[in-house]
PDB file of N, CA and C in Angstrom:
ATOM      1  N   MET A   1     -31.114 168.370  63.253  1.00  0.00           N
ATOM      2  CA  MET A   1     -32.085 169.172  63.979  1.00  0.00           C
ATOM      3  C   MET A   1     -31.362 170.248  64.788  1.00  0.00           C
ATOM      4  N   ALA A   2     -31.984 171.380  64.894  1.00  0.00           N
ATOM      5  CA  ALA A   2     -31.335 172.527  65.513  1.00  0.00           C
ATOM      6  C   ALA A   2     -31.525 172.618  67.024  1.00  0.00           C
ATOM      7  N   CYS A   3     -32.624 172.035  67.567  1.00  0.00           N
ATOM      8  CA  CYS A   3     -32.838 172.144  69.011  1.00  0.00           C
ATOM      9  C   CYS A   3     -33.619 170.933  69.527  1.00  0.00           C
ATOM     10  N   GLU A   4     -33.741 170.816  70.832  1.00  0.00           N
ATOM     11  CA  GLU A   4     -34.427 169.669  71.441  1.00  0.00           C
ATOM     12  C   GLU A   4     -35.922 169.643  71.155  1.00  0.00           C
ATOM     13  N   ASN A   5     -36.503 170.781  70.769  1.00  0.00           N
ATOM     14  CA  ASN A   5     -37.934 170.831  70.456  1.00  0.00           C
ATOM     15  C   ASN A   5     -38.262 170.309  69.061  1.00  0.00           C
ATOM     16  N   CYS A   6     -37.248 170.109  68.232  1.00  0.00           N
ATOM     17  CA  CYS A   6     -37.464 169.669  66.847  1.00  0.00           C
ATOM     18  C   CYS A   6     -37.775 168.179  66.738  1.00  0.00           C
ATOM     19  N   THR A   7     -37.515 167.414  67.795  1.00  0.00           N
ATOM     20  CA  THR A   7     -37.762 165.972  67.751  1.00  0.00           C
ATOM     21  C   THR A   7     -38.671 165.546  68.895  1.00  0.00           C
ATOM     22  N   GLY A   8     -39.361 164.421  68.691  1.00  0.00           N
ATOM     23  CA  GLY A   8     -40.225 163.855  69.717  1.00  0.00           C
ATOM     24  C   GLY A   8     -39.423 163.042  70.718  1.00  0.00           C
ATOM     25  N   LEU A   9     -40.099 162.386  71.650  1.00  0.00           N
ATOM     26  CA  LEU A   9     -39.437 161.613  72.701  1.00  0.00           C
ATOM     27  C   LEU A   9     -38.611 160.460  72.151  1.00  0.00           C
ATOM     28  N   GLU A  10     -39.053 159.857  71.039  1.00  0.00           N
ATOM     29  CA  GLU A  10     -38.313 158.742  70.447  1.00  0.00           C
ATOM     30  C   GLU A  10     -37.260 159.218  69.455  1.00  0.00           C
ATOM     31  N   GLY A  11     -37.028 160.502  69.359  1.00  0.00           N
ATOM     32  CA  GLY A  11     -36.041 161.044  68.445  1.00  0.00           C
ATOM     33  C   GLY A  11     -36.540 161.223  67.027  1.00  0.00           C
ATOM     34  N   ILE A  12     -37.838 161.028  66.805  1.00  0.00           N
ATOM     35  CA  ILE A  12     -38.421 161.193  65.475  1.00  0.00           C
ATOM     36  C   ILE A  12     -38.611 162.688  65.212  1.00  0.00           C
ATOM     37  N   PRO A  13     -38.147 163.176  64.050  1.00  0.00           N
ATOM     38  CA  PRO A  13     -38.311 164.606  63.745  1.00  0.00           C
ATOM     39  C   PRO A  13     -39.785 165.011  63.699  1.00  0.00           C
ATOM     40  N   LEU A  14     -40.115 166.109  64.355  1.00  0.00           N
ATOM     41  CA  LEU A  14     -41.482 166.631  64.361  1.00  0.00           C
ATOM     42  C   LEU A  14     -41.672 167.767  63.371  1.00  0.00           C
ATOM     43  N   TYR A  15     -40.600 168.452  63.055  1.00  0.00           N
ATOM     44  CA  TYR A  15     -40.671 169.622  62.180  1.00  0.00           C
ATOM     45  C   TYR A  15     -39.630 169.523  61.089  1.00  0.00           C
ATOM     46  N   PRO A  16     -39.873 170.098  59.923  1.00  0.00           N
ATOM     47  CA  PRO A  16     -41.112 170.734  59.507  1.00  0.00           C
ATOM     48  C   PRO A  16     -42.222 169.713  59.310  1.00  0.00           C
ATOM     49  N   ASN A  17     -43.460 170.184  59.438  1.00  0.00           N
ATOM     50  CA  ASN A  17     -44.629 169.314  59.343  1.00  0.00           C
ATOM     51  C   ASN A  17     -45.688 170.018  58.496  1.00  0.00           C
ATOM     52  N   TYR A  18     -46.156 169.339  57.450  1.00  0.00           N
ATOM     53  CA  TYR A  18     -47.176 169.912  56.569  1.00  0.00           C
ATOM     54  C   TYR A  18     -48.541 169.573  57.134  1.00  0.00           C
ATOM     55  N   GLY A  19     -49.426 170.557  57.249  1.00  0.00           N
ATOM     56  CA  GLY A  19     -50.744 170.273  57.812  1.00  0.00           C
ATOM     57  C   GLY A  19     -51.706 171.436  57.683  1.00  0.00           C
ATOM     58  N   HIS A  20     -52.769 171.352  58.460  1.00  0.00           N
ATOM     59  CA  HIS A  20     -53.838 172.348  58.417  1.00  0.00           C
ATOM     60  C   HIS A  20     -53.421 173.654  59.078  1.00  0.00           C
ATOM     61  N   ALA A  21     -53.933 174.751  58.533  1.00  0.00           N
ATOM     62  CA  ALA A  21     -53.726 176.073  59.114  1.00  0.00           C
ATOM     63  C   ALA A  21     -54.596 176.205  60.364  1.00  0.00           C
ATOM     64  N   PRO A  22     -54.273 177.138  61.280  1.00  0.00           N
ATOM     65  CA  PRO A  22     -55.138 177.376  62.435  1.00  0.00           C
ATOM     66  C   PRO A  22     -56.538 177.756  61.953  1.00  0.00           C
ATOM     67  N   HIS A  23     -57.557 177.079  62.485  1.00  0.00           N
ATOM     68  CA  HIS A  23     -58.923 177.296  62.001  1.00  0.00           C
ATOM     69  C   HIS A  23     -59.944 176.915  63.060  1.00  0.00           C
ATOM     70  N   VAL A  24     -61.196 177.293  62.830  1.00  0.00           N
ATOM     71  CA  VAL A  24     -62.329 176.886  63.663  1.00  0.00           C
ATOM     72  C   VAL A  24     -63.383 176.289  62.743  1.00  0.00           C
ATOM     73  N   HIS A  25     -64.254 175.471  63.325  1.00  0.00           N
ATOM     74  CA  HIS A  25     -65.365 174.885  62.584  1.00  0.00           C
ATOM     75  C   HIS A  25     -66.646 175.568  63.040  1.00  0.00           C
ATOM     76  N   THR A  26     -67.353 176.181  62.108  1.00  0.00           N
ATOM     77  CA  THR A  26     -68.581 176.891  62.443  1.00  0.00           C
ATOM     78  C   THR A  26     -69.825 176.065  62.174  1.00  0.00           C
ATOM     79  N   GLN A  27     -69.670 174.961  61.454  1.00  0.00           N
ATOM     80  CA  GLN A  27     -70.755 174.020  61.196  1.00  0.00           C
ATOM     81  C   GLN A  27     -70.119 172.683  60.834  1.00  0.00           C
ATOM     82  N   PRO A  28     -70.865 171.577  60.935  1.00  0.00           N
ATOM     83  CA  PRO A  28     -70.265 170.259  60.710  1.00  0.00           C
ATOM     84  C   PRO A  28     -69.604 170.076  59.339  1.00  0.00           C
ATOM     85  N   VAL A  29     -70.212 170.552  58.275  1.00  0.00           N
ATOM     86  CA  VAL A  29     -69.644 170.386  56.937  1.00  0.00           C
ATOM     87  C   VAL A  29     -69.551 171.750  56.258  1.00  0.00           C
ATOM     88  N   GLY A  30     -68.393 172.050  55.723  1.00  0.00           N
ATOM     89  CA  GLY A  30     -68.219 173.297  54.985  1.00  0.00           C
ATOM     90  C   GLY A  30     -68.099 174.533  55.835  1.00  0.00           C
ATOM     91  N   GLY A  31     -67.821 174.381  57.116  1.00  0.00           N
ATOM     92  CA  GLY A  31     -67.754 175.538  58.000  1.00  0.00           C
ATOM     93  C   GLY A  31     -66.370 175.837  58.519  1.00  0.00           C
ATOM     94  N   THR A  32     -65.326 175.439  57.806  1.00  0.00           N
ATOM     95  CA  THR A  32     -63.971 175.703  58.246  1.00  0.00           C
ATOM     96  C   THR A  32     -63.581 177.130  57.890  1.00  0.00           C
ATOM     97  N   VAL A  33     -63.117 177.868  58.893  1.00  0.00           N
ATOM     98  CA  VAL A  33     -62.738 179.264  58.699  1.00  0.00           C
ATOM     99  C   VAL A  33     -61.378 179.479  59.334  1.00  0.00           C
ATOM    100  N   PHE A  34     -60.492 180.150  58.612  1.00  0.00           N
ATOM    101  CA  PHE A  34     -59.169 180.423  59.132  1.00  0.00           C
ATOM    102  C   PHE A  34     -59.241 181.527  60.173  1.00  0.00           C
ATOM    103  N   VAL A  35     -58.425 181.392  61.211  1.00  0.00           N
ATOM    104  CA  VAL A  35     -58.473 182.297  62.351  1.00  0.00           C
ATOM    105  C   VAL A  35     -57.328 183.296  62.264  1.00  0.00           C
ATOM    106  N   GLY A  36     -57.647 184.521  61.903  1.00  0.00           N
ATOM    107  CA  GLY A  36     -56.683 185.614  61.913  1.00  0.00           C
ATOM    108  C   GLY A  36     -55.396 185.330  61.170  1.00  0.00           C
ATOM    109  N   GLU A  37     -54.296 185.898  61.661  1.00  0.00           N
ATOM    110  CA  GLU A  37     -52.987 185.713  61.061  1.00  0.00           C
ATOM    111  C   GLU A  37     -52.384 184.405  61.551  1.00  0.00           C
ATOM    112  N   PRO A  38     -51.556 183.777  60.719  1.00  0.00           N
ATOM    113  CA  PRO A  38     -50.926 182.529  61.153  1.00  0.00           C
ATOM    114  C   PRO A  38     -49.880 182.801  62.231  1.00  0.00           C
ATOM    115  N   PRO A  39     -49.578 181.791  63.053  1.00  0.00           N
ATOM    116  CA  PRO A  39     -48.510 181.965  64.035  1.00  0.00           C
ATOM    117  C   PRO A  39     -47.162 182.146  63.326  1.00  0.00           C
ATOM    118  N   ALA A  40     -46.175 182.599  64.056  1.00  0.00           N
ATOM    119  CA  ALA A  40     -44.869 182.905  63.471  1.00  0.00           C
ATOM    120  C   ALA A  40     -44.160 181.682  62.905  1.00  0.00           C
ATOM    121  N   ASN A  41     -44.535 180.477  63.329  1.00  0.00           N
ATOM    122  CA  ASN A  41     -43.858 179.270  62.848  1.00  0.00           C
ATOM    123  C   ASN A  41     -44.668 178.519  61.789  1.00  0.00           C
ATOM    124  N   PHE A  42     -45.598 179.193  61.125  1.00  0.00           N
ATOM    125  CA  PHE A  42     -46.437 178.566  60.100  1.00  0.00           C
ATOM    126  C   PHE A  42     -46.381 179.371  58.810  1.00  0.00           C
ATOM    127  N   ILE A  43     -46.171 178.676  57.677  1.00  0.00           N
ATOM    128  CA  ILE A  43     -46.194 179.330  56.370  1.00  0.00           C
ATOM    129  C   ILE A  43     -47.318 178.717  55.557  1.00  0.00           C
ATOM    130  N   PRO A  44     -48.326 179.513  55.182  1.00  0.00           N
ATOM    131  CA  PRO A  44     -49.428 178.994  54.370  1.00  0.00           C
ATOM    132  C   PRO A  44     -48.939 178.543  52.992  1.00  0.00           C
ATOM    133  N   ASP A  45     -49.567 177.509  52.468  1.00  0.00           N
ATOM    134  CA  ASP A  45     -49.265 177.014  51.128  1.00  0.00           C
ATOM    135  C   ASP A  45     -50.097 177.820  50.137  1.00  0.00           C
ATOM    136  N   PRO A  46     -49.470 178.611  49.267  1.00  0.00           N
ATOM    137  CA  PRO A  46     -50.249 179.436  48.344  1.00  0.00           C
ATOM    138  C   PRO A  46     -51.036 178.617  47.320  1.00  0.00           C
ATOM    139  N   ASP A  47     -50.654 177.362  47.110  1.00  0.00           N
ATOM    140  CA  ASP A  47     -51.346 176.503  46.146  1.00  0.00           C
ATOM    141  C   ASP A  47     -52.444 175.658  46.773  1.00  0.00           C
ATOM    142  N   ALA A  48     -52.514 175.619  48.094  1.00  0.00           N
ATOM    143  CA  ALA A  48     -53.515 174.798  48.784  1.00  0.00           C
ATOM    144  C   ALA A  48     -54.067 175.571  49.970  1.00  0.00           C
ATOM    145  N   PRO A  49     -55.084 176.413  49.761  1.00  0.00           N
ATOM    146  CA  PRO A  49     -55.649 177.196  50.861  1.00  0.00           C
ATOM    147  C   PRO A  49     -56.058 176.310  52.036  1.00  0.00           C
ATOM    148  N   GLY A  50     -55.699 176.756  53.224  1.00  0.00           N
ATOM    149  CA  GLY A  50     -56.037 176.010  54.428  1.00  0.00           C
ATOM    150  C   GLY A  50     -54.946 175.067  54.883  1.00  0.00           C
ATOM    151  N   LEU A  51     -53.902 174.921  54.091  1.00  0.00           N
ATOM    152  CA  LEU A  51     -52.786 174.049  54.449  1.00  0.00           C
ATOM    153  C   LEU A  51     -51.501 174.856  54.454  1.00  0.00           C
ATOM    154  N   GLY A  52     -50.478 174.288  55.072  1.00  0.00           N
ATOM    155  CA  GLY A  52     -49.193 174.961  55.101  1.00  0.00           C
ATOM    156  C   GLY A  52     -48.183 174.146  55.865  1.00  0.00           C
ATOM    157  N   THR A  53     -47.025 174.723  56.083  1.00  0.00           N
ATOM    158  CA  THR A  53     -45.936 174.030  56.757  1.00  0.00           C
ATOM    159  C   THR A  53     -45.681 174.654  58.116  1.00  0.00           C
ATOM    160  N   TRP A  54     -45.640 173.780  59.134  1.00  0.00           N
ATOM    161  CA  TRP A  54     -45.318 174.184  60.503  1.00  0.00           C
ATOM    162  C   TRP A  54     -43.825 173.944  60.726  1.00  0.00           C
ATOM    163  N   TYR A  55     -43.164 174.895  61.358  1.00  0.00           N
ATOM    164  CA  TYR A  55     -41.760 174.764  61.707  1.00  0.00           C
ATOM    165  C   TYR A  55     -41.637 174.805  63.222  1.00  0.00           C
ATOM    166  N   CYS A  56     -40.485 174.390  63.720  1.00  0.00           N
ATOM    167  CA  CYS A  56     -40.259 174.373  65.167  1.00  0.00           C
ATOM    168  C   CYS A  56     -40.554 175.757  65.748  1.00  0.00           C
ATOM    169  N   PRO A  57     -41.418 175.831  66.777  1.00  0.00           N
ATOM    170  CA  PRO A  57     -41.735 177.142  67.355  1.00  0.00           C
ATOM    171  C   PRO A  57     -40.561 177.764  68.105  1.00  0.00           C
ATOM    172  N   ALA A  58     -39.594 176.933  68.515  1.00  0.00           N
ATOM    173  CA  ALA A  58     -38.470 177.457  69.278  1.00  0.00           C
ATOM    174  C   ALA A  58     -37.361 178.013  68.383  1.00  0.00           C
ATOM    175  N   CYS A  59     -36.923 177.215  67.376  1.00  0.00           N
ATOM    176  CA  CYS A  59     -35.769 177.644  66.577  1.00  0.00           C
ATOM    177  C   CYS A  59     -36.097 177.952  65.117  1.00  0.00           C
ATOM    178  N   LYS A  60     -37.259 177.500  64.636  1.00  0.00           N
ATOM    179  CA  LYS A  60     -37.693 177.710  63.239  1.00  0.00           C
ATOM    180  C   LYS A  60     -36.676 177.184  62.230  1.00  0.00           C
ATOM    181  N   GLU A  61     -35.975 176.111  62.579  1.00  0.00           N
ATOM    182  CA  GLU A  61     -34.974 175.499  61.699  1.00  0.00           C
ATOM    183  C   GLU A  61     -35.556 175.203  60.324  1.00  0.00           C
ATOM    184  N   GLY A  62     -34.871 175.651  59.276  1.00  0.00           N
ATOM    185  CA  GLY A  62     -35.275 175.384  57.906  1.00  0.00           C
ATOM    186  C   GLY A  62     -36.375 176.277  57.366  1.00  0.00           C
ATOM    187  N   MET A  63     -36.878 177.178  58.180  1.00  0.00           N
ATOM    188  CA  MET A  63     -37.989 178.033  57.752  1.00  0.00           C
ATOM    189  C   MET A  63     -37.479 179.167  56.869  1.00  0.00           C
ATOM    190  N   PRO A  64     -37.995 179.258  55.630  1.00  0.00           N
ATOM    191  CA  PRO A  64     -37.580 180.388  54.801  1.00  0.00           C
ATOM    192  C   PRO A  64     -38.135 181.692  55.373  1.00  0.00           C
ATOM    193  N   ASN A  65     -37.381 182.743  55.247  1.00  0.00           N
ATOM    194  CA  ASN A  65     -37.809 184.057  55.739  1.00  0.00           C
ATOM    195  C   ASN A  65     -38.136 184.040  57.230  1.00  0.00           C
ATOM    196  N   ALA A  66     -37.363 183.285  58.013  1.00  0.00           N
ATOM    197  CA  ALA A  66     -37.631 183.165  59.446  1.00  0.00           C
ATOM    198  C   ALA A  66     -37.531 184.503  60.162  1.00  0.00           C
ATOM    199  N   ASP A  67     -36.839 185.454  59.557  1.00  0.00           N
ATOM    200  CA  ASP A  67     -36.708 186.754  60.205  1.00  0.00           C
ATOM    201  C   ASP A  67     -37.898 187.672  59.927  1.00  0.00           C
ATOM    202  N   MET A  68     -38.819 187.252  59.039  1.00  0.00           N
ATOM    203  CA  MET A  68     -40.020 188.047  58.766  1.00  0.00           C
ATOM    204  C   MET A  68     -41.062 187.801  59.844  1.00  0.00           C
ATOM    205  N   ASP A  69     -41.817 188.821  60.180  1.00  0.00           N
ATOM    206  CA  ASP A  69     -42.925 188.592  61.090  1.00  0.00           C
ATOM    207  C   ASP A  69     -44.134 188.109  60.282  1.00  0.00           C
ATOM    208  N   ALA A  70     -45.173 187.682  60.948  1.00  0.00           N
ATOM    209  CA  ALA A  70     -46.341 187.092  60.284  1.00  0.00           C
ATOM    210  C   ALA A  70     -46.983 188.065  59.301  1.00  0.00           C
ATOM    211  N   GLN A  71     -47.013 189.346  59.636  1.00  0.00           N
ATOM    212  CA  GLN A  71     -47.640 190.337  58.760  1.00  0.00           C
ATOM    213  C   GLN A  71     -46.868 190.482  57.446  1.00  0.00           C
ATOM    214  N   GLN A  72     -45.543 190.529  57.527  1.00  0.00           N
ATOM    215  CA  GLN A  72     -44.723 190.630  56.321  1.00  0.00           C
ATOM    216  C   GLN A  72     -44.877 189.381  55.461  1.00  0.00           C
ATOM    217  N   LEU A  73     -44.899 188.222  56.102  1.00  0.00           N
ATOM    218  CA  LEU A  73     -45.022 186.960  55.384  1.00  0.00           C
ATOM    219  C   LEU A  73     -46.357 186.872  54.659  1.00  0.00           C
ATOM    220  N   MET A  74     -47.438 187.262  55.318  1.00  0.00           N
ATOM    221  CA  MET A  74     -48.752 187.219  54.681  1.00  0.00           C
ATOM    222  C   MET A  74     -48.823 188.207  53.517  1.00  0.00           C
ATOM    223  N   ALA A  75     -48.165 189.345  53.643  1.00  0.00           N
ATOM    224  CA  ALA A  75     -48.149 190.306  52.540  1.00  0.00           C
ATOM    225  C   ALA A  75     -47.423 189.719  51.338  1.00  0.00           C
ATOM    226  N   GLU A  76     -46.374 188.957  51.606  1.00  0.00           N
ATOM    227  CA  GLU A  76     -45.608 188.333  50.525  1.00  0.00           C
ATOM    228  C   GLU A  76     -46.394 187.199  49.866  1.00  0.00           C
ATOM    229  N   LEU A  77     -47.072 186.376  50.664  1.00  0.00           N
ATOM    230  CA  LEU A  77     -47.788 185.218  50.129  1.00  0.00           C
ATOM    231  C   LEU A  77     -49.189 185.554  49.645  1.00  0.00           C
ATOM    232  N   GLY A  78     -49.800 186.555  50.255  1.00  0.00           N
ATOM    233  CA  GLY A  78     -51.182 186.892  49.907  1.00  0.00           C
ATOM    234  C   GLY A  78     -52.143 186.041  50.716  1.00  0.00           C
ATOM    235  N   PRO A  79     -53.390 186.483  50.861  1.00  0.00           N
ATOM    236  CA  PRO A  79     -54.369 185.746  51.666  1.00  0.00           C
ATOM    237  C   PRO A  79     -54.797 184.443  50.994  1.00  0.00           C
ATOM    238  N   ALA A  80     -54.966 183.391  51.788  1.00  0.00           N
ATOM    239  CA  ALA A  80     -55.419 182.101  51.263  1.00  0.00           C
ATOM    240  C   ALA A  80     -56.920 182.135  51.015  1.00  0.00           C
ATOM    241  N   SER A  81     -57.653 182.779  51.909  1.00  0.00           N
ATOM    242  CA  SER A  81     -59.109 182.873  51.746  1.00  0.00           C
ATOM    243  C   SER A  81     -59.675 183.782  52.827  1.00  0.00           C
ATOM    244  N   ASP A  82     -60.980 183.749  52.990  1.00  0.00           N
ATOM    245  CA  ASP A  82     -61.687 184.536  53.992  1.00  0.00           C
ATOM    246  C   ASP A  82     -61.194 184.175  55.390  1.00  0.00           C
ATOM    247  N   THR A  83     -60.985 185.157  56.245  1.00  0.00           N
ATOM    248  CA  THR A  83     -60.606 184.887  57.627  1.00  0.00           C
ATOM    249  C   THR A  83     -61.694 185.387  58.557  1.00  0.00           C
ATOM    250  N   ILE A  84     -61.634 184.931  59.800  1.00  0.00           N
ATOM    251  CA  ILE A  84     -62.637 185.304  60.793  1.00  0.00           C
ATOM    252  C   ILE A  84     -62.639 186.818  61.024  1.00  0.00           C
ATOM    253  N   ASP A  85     -61.477 187.468  60.824  1.00  0.00           N
ATOM    254  CA  ASP A  85     -61.383 188.914  61.041  1.00  0.00           C
ATOM    255  C   ASP A  85     -62.216 189.722  60.050  1.00  0.00           C
ATOM    256  N   THR A  86     -62.573 189.129  58.925  1.00  0.00           N
ATOM    257  CA  THR A  86     -63.363 189.845  57.920  1.00  0.00           C
ATOM    258  C   THR A  86     -64.860 189.621  58.101  1.00  0.00           C
ATOM    259  N   TRP A  87     -65.243 188.815  59.067  1.00  0.00           N
ATOM    260  CA  TRP A  87     -66.659 188.530  59.306  1.00  0.00           C
ATOM    261  C   TRP A  87     -67.349 189.690  60.004  1.00  0.00           C
ATOM    262  N   PRO A  88     -68.690 189.751  59.914  1.00  0.00           N
ATOM    263  CA  PRO A  88     -69.435 190.731  60.708  1.00  0.00           C
ATOM    264  C   PRO A  88     -69.265 190.426  62.204  1.00  0.00           C
ATOM    265  N   ALA A  89     -69.434 191.440  63.034  1.00  0.00           N
ATOM    266  CA  ALA A  89     -69.230 191.295  64.480  1.00  0.00           C
ATOM    267  C   ALA A  89     -70.090 190.191  65.084  1.00  0.00           C
ATOM    268  N   TRP A  90     -71.352 190.033  64.649  1.00  0.00           N
ATOM    269  CA  TRP A  90     -72.228 189.013  65.229  1.00  0.00           C
ATOM    270  C   TRP A  90     -71.689 187.608  64.967  1.00  0.00           C
ATOM    271  N   LYS A  91     -71.083 187.411  63.797  1.00  0.00           N
ATOM    272  CA  LYS A  91     -70.564 186.087  63.457  1.00  0.00           C
ATOM    273  C   LYS A  91     -69.288 185.791  64.254  1.00  0.00           C
ATOM    274  N   GLN A  92     -68.444 186.801  64.428  1.00  0.00           N
ATOM    275  CA  GLN A  92     -67.243 186.635  65.243  1.00  0.00           C
ATOM    276  C   GLN A  92     -67.622 186.297  66.684  1.00  0.00           C
ATOM    277  N   ALA A  93     -68.653 186.974  67.202  1.00  0.00           N
ATOM    278  CA  ALA A  93     -69.109 186.723  68.572  1.00  0.00           C
ATOM    279  C   ALA A  93     -69.642 185.305  68.719  1.00  0.00           C
ATOM    280  N   LEU A  94     -70.346 184.815  67.709  1.00  0.00           N
ATOM    281  CA  LEU A  94     -70.880 183.456  67.749  1.00  0.00           C
ATOM    282  C   LEU A  94     -69.753 182.431  67.820  1.00  0.00           C
ATOM    283  N   VAL A  95     -68.741 182.589  66.987  1.00  0.00           N
ATOM    284  CA  VAL A  95     -67.606 181.666  66.997  1.00  0.00           C
ATOM    285  C   VAL A  95     -66.867 181.750  68.326  1.00  0.00           C
ATOM    286  N   ALA A  96     -66.669 182.959  68.841  1.00  0.00           N
ATOM    287  CA  ALA A  96     -65.983 183.134  70.121  1.00  0.00           C
ATOM    288  C   ALA A  96     -66.754 182.471  71.252  1.00  0.00           C
ATOM    289  N   SER A  97     -68.077 182.591  71.253  1.00  0.00           N
ATOM    290  CA  SER A  97     -68.871 181.978  72.321  1.00  0.00           C
ATOM    291  C   SER A  97     -68.800 180.460  72.246  1.00  0.00           C
ATOM    292  N   ARG A  98     -68.785 179.912  71.045  1.00  0.00           N
ATOM    293  CA  ARG A  98     -68.658 178.459  70.895  1.00  0.00           C
ATOM    294  C   ARG A  98     -67.287 177.983  71.354  1.00  0.00           C
ATOM    295  N   SER A  99     -66.257 178.772  71.057  1.00  0.00           N
ATOM    296  CA  SER A  99     -64.907 178.417  71.483  1.00  0.00           C
ATOM    297  C   SER A  99     -64.815 178.403  73.002  1.00  0.00           C
ATOM    298  N   GLU A 100     -65.402 179.406  73.659  1.00  0.00           N
ATOM    299  CA  GLU A 100     -65.409 179.456  75.124  1.00  0.00           C
ATOM    300  C   GLU A 100     -66.150 178.261  75.704  1.00  0.00           C
ATOM    301  N   LYS A 101     -67.266 177.876  75.103  1.00  0.00           N
ATOM    302  CA  LYS A 101     -68.045 176.728  75.570  1.00  0.00           C
ATOM    303  C   LYS A 101     -67.212 175.459  75.475  1.00  0.00           C
ATOM    304  N   LEU A 102     -66.475 175.279  74.382  1.00  0.00           N
ATOM    305  CA  LEU A 102     -65.629 174.098  74.222  1.00  0.00           C
ATOM    306  C   LEU A 102     -64.537 174.066  75.283  1.00  0.00           C
ATOM    307  N   LYS A 103     -63.955 175.229  75.606  1.00  0.00           N
ATOM    308  CA  LYS A 103     -62.931 175.292  76.646  1.00  0.00           C
ATOM    309  C   LYS A 103     -63.520 174.897  77.998  1.00  0.00           C
ATOM    310  N   GLU A 104     -64.731 175.367  78.287  1.00  0.00           N
ATOM    311  CA  GLU A 104     -65.389 175.037  79.552  1.00  0.00           C
ATOM    312  C   GLU A 104     -65.683 173.544  79.643  1.00  0.00           C
ATOM    313  N   ASP A 105     -66.021 172.937  78.501  1.00  0.00           N
ATOM    314  CA  ASP A 105     -66.317 171.504  78.472  1.00  0.00           C
ATOM    315  C   ASP A 105     -65.052 170.654  78.456  1.00  0.00           C
ATOM    316  N   GLY A 106     -63.882 171.301  78.412  1.00  0.00           N
ATOM    317  CA  GLY A 106     -62.625 170.574  78.425  1.00  0.00           C
ATOM    318  C   GLY A 106     -62.205 170.034  77.071  1.00  0.00           C
ATOM    319  N   ARG A 107     -62.766 170.591  76.005  1.00  0.00           N
ATOM    320  CA  ARG A 107     -62.367 170.132  74.656  1.00  0.00           C
ATOM    321  C   ARG A 107     -61.421 171.092  74.007  1.00  0.00           C
TER     322      ARG A 107
END
């Protein structure tokens, strides 16, 4: 491991970790929507939309193309699917208002 952020308290490696892309839920079933560009420590899986690999946010140990920014990486991989940025303004506002409500409720 390259830095102290790469492992948990018990010394178990935390990164790289395969999982869900940043997203919001707009309805209980079938409402998962990806939120904008991925963070700098996430690489989307081109074969499995909505999933990808998370790398250490501090050192990005083992991350291919770690020197690329998110925009360059997305251009190389291509879009996984529809993102919130492509929605009409009313739909973006609805998701944003729900997100604010969840923050106020402590979720």
